[in-house]
C-alpha atoms as a PDB file:
ATOM      1  CA  MET A   1      -0.024  -0.036   0.001  1.00  0.00           C
ATOM      2  CA  VAL A   2       1.354   3.383  -1.028  1.00  0.00           C
ATOM      3  CA  GLN A   3       1.680   5.892   1.784  1.00  0.00           C
ATOM      4  CA  SER A   4       0.151   9.276   0.859  1.00  0.00           C
ATOM      5  CA  GLU A   5       2.963  11.461   2.316  1.00  0.00           C
ATOM      6  CA  ILE A   6       6.243  11.386   4.037  1.00  0.00           C
ATOM      7  CA  ILE A   7       7.289  14.017   6.562  1.00  0.00           C
ATOM      8  CA  PHE A   8      10.727  15.518   6.995  1.00  0.00           C
ATOM      9  CA  ASP A   9      11.905  17.374  10.065  1.00  0.00           C
ATOM     10  CA  VAL A  10      14.005  20.337   8.831  1.00  0.00           C
ATOM     11  CA  SER A  11      16.309  22.266  11.129  1.00  0.00           C
ATOM     12  CA  GLU A  12      19.152  24.731  10.617  1.00  0.00           C
ATOM     13  CA  SER A  13      22.519  22.959  10.729  1.00  0.00           C
ATOM     14  CA  PRO A  14      25.089  24.245  13.376  1.00  0.00           C
ATOM     15  CA  GLU A  15      27.647  24.313  10.525  1.00  0.00           C
ATOM     16  CA  GLY A  16      25.337  26.336   8.333  1.00  0.00           C
ATOM     17  CA  GLY A  17      22.637  25.285   5.827  1.00  0.00           C
ATOM     18  CA  TYR A  18      19.971  22.838   6.622  1.00  0.00           C
ATOM     19  CA  GLU A  19      19.392  19.218   7.619  1.00  0.00           C
ATOM     20  CA  ALA A  20      16.280  17.083   6.911  1.00  0.00           C
ATOM     21  CA  ARG A  21      15.409  13.782   8.498  1.00  0.00           C
ATOM     22  CA  ALA A  22      12.409  11.623   7.494  1.00  0.00           C
ATOM     23  CA  LEU A  23      10.103  10.509  10.238  1.00  0.00           C
ATOM     24  CA  GLY A  24       9.778   6.717  10.370  1.00  0.00           C
ATOM     25  CA  TYR A  25      12.357   6.162   7.529  1.00  0.00           C
ATOM     26  CA  SER A  26      16.159   6.140   7.515  1.00  0.00           C
ATOM     27  CA  ILE A  27      16.448   9.065   5.098  1.00  0.00           C
ATOM     28  CA  TYR A  28      18.682  12.039   5.909  1.00  0.00           C
ATOM     29  CA  THR A  29      20.014  14.841   3.645  1.00  0.00           C
ATOM     30  CA  GLN A  30      21.466  18.290   4.025  1.00  0.00           C
ATOM     31  CA  ALA A  31      21.970  21.295   1.836  1.00  0.00           C
ATOM     32  CA  ASP A  32      23.181  24.989   1.960  1.00  0.00           C
ATOM     33  CA  THR A  33      19.819  26.620   0.940  1.00  0.00           C
ATOM     34  CA  LEU A  34      16.203  25.721   1.275  1.00  0.00           C
ATOM     35  CA  ASP A  35      15.790  25.515  -2.438  1.00  0.00           C
ATOM     36  CA  GLU A  36      18.674  23.124  -2.731  1.00  0.00           C
ATOM     37  CA  LEU A  37      17.298  21.126   0.268  1.00  0.00           C
ATOM     38  CA  ARG A  38      13.997  20.641  -1.570  1.00  0.00           C
ATOM     39  CA  GLU A  39      15.848  19.138  -4.471  1.00  0.00           C
ATOM     40  CA  MET A  40      17.965  16.876  -2.307  1.00  0.00           C
ATOM     41  CA  VAL A  41      14.976  15.601  -0.260  1.00  0.00           C
ATOM     42  CA  LEU A  42      13.121  14.864  -3.485  1.00  0.00           C
ATOM     43  CA  ASP A  43      16.140  13.006  -4.811  1.00  0.00           C
ATOM     44  CA  ALA A  44      16.510  11.002  -1.488  1.00  0.00           C
ATOM     45  CA  VAL A  45      12.781   9.906  -1.648  1.00  0.00           C
ATOM     46  CA  ARG A  46      13.146   8.813  -5.247  1.00  0.00           C
ATOM     47  CA  CYS A  47      16.250   6.813  -4.364  1.00  0.00           C
ATOM     48  CA  HIS A  48      14.613   5.302  -1.204  1.00  0.00           C
ATOM     49  CA  PHE A  49      11.314   4.199  -2.704  1.00  0.00           C
ATOM     50  CA  SER A  50      10.532   2.289  -5.899  1.00  0.00           C
ATOM     51  CA  GLU A  51       8.251   4.232  -8.294  1.00  0.00           C
ATOM     52  CA  ASP A  52       5.156   2.242  -7.271  1.00  0.00           C
ATOM     53  CA  SER A  53       5.662   2.547  -3.521  1.00  0.00           C
ATOM     54  CA  ARG A  54       6.741   6.231  -3.436  1.00  0.00           C
ATOM     55  CA  PRO A  55       4.591   8.555  -1.287  1.00  0.00           C
ATOM     56  CA  ARG A  56       2.615  11.055  -3.263  1.00  0.00           C
ATOM     57  CA  LEU A  57       3.625  14.063  -1.203  1.00  0.00           C
ATOM     58  CA  ILE A  58       6.611  15.261   0.758  1.00  0.00           C
ATOM     59  CA  ARG A  59       5.995  17.527   3.808  1.00  0.00           C
ATOM     60  CA  LEU A  60       8.754  19.633   5.159  1.00  0.00           C
ATOM     61  CA  HIS A  61       8.373  20.565   8.795  1.00  0.00           C
ATOM     62  CA  LEU A  62      10.703  23.482   9.370  1.00  0.00           C
ATOM     63  CA  VAL A  63      12.072  23.894  12.977  1.00  0.00           C
ATOM     64  CA  ARG A  64      13.760  27.030  13.877  1.00  0.00           C
ATOM     65  CA  ASP A  65      15.112  28.257  17.229  1.00  0.00           C
ATOM     66  CA  GLU A  66      15.367  31.898  17.787  1.00  0.00           C
ATOM     67  CA  VAL A  67      16.985  33.425  20.792  1.00  0.00           C
ATOM     68  CA  ILE A  68      15.939  36.911  21.900  1.00  0.00           C
ATOM     69  CA  PRO A  69      17.987  38.613  24.500  1.00  0.00           C
ATOM     70  CA  VAL A  70      16.025  40.461  27.245  1.00  0.00           C
END
């Protein structure tokens, strides 16, 4: 059965750029920009799943910590 979507937890990398980890799958990728990350995630999903078992949607859940001095 084909899963309708796969979710990636995206966060800013301490070294710069972004990291994306799939929830429930062993898929990880990273990139310097969000546009590049979208391409890398799409490529990683295409490599991980066969065409007939690939999820129809990829959801990127962006996590960003911001510190505000008081």
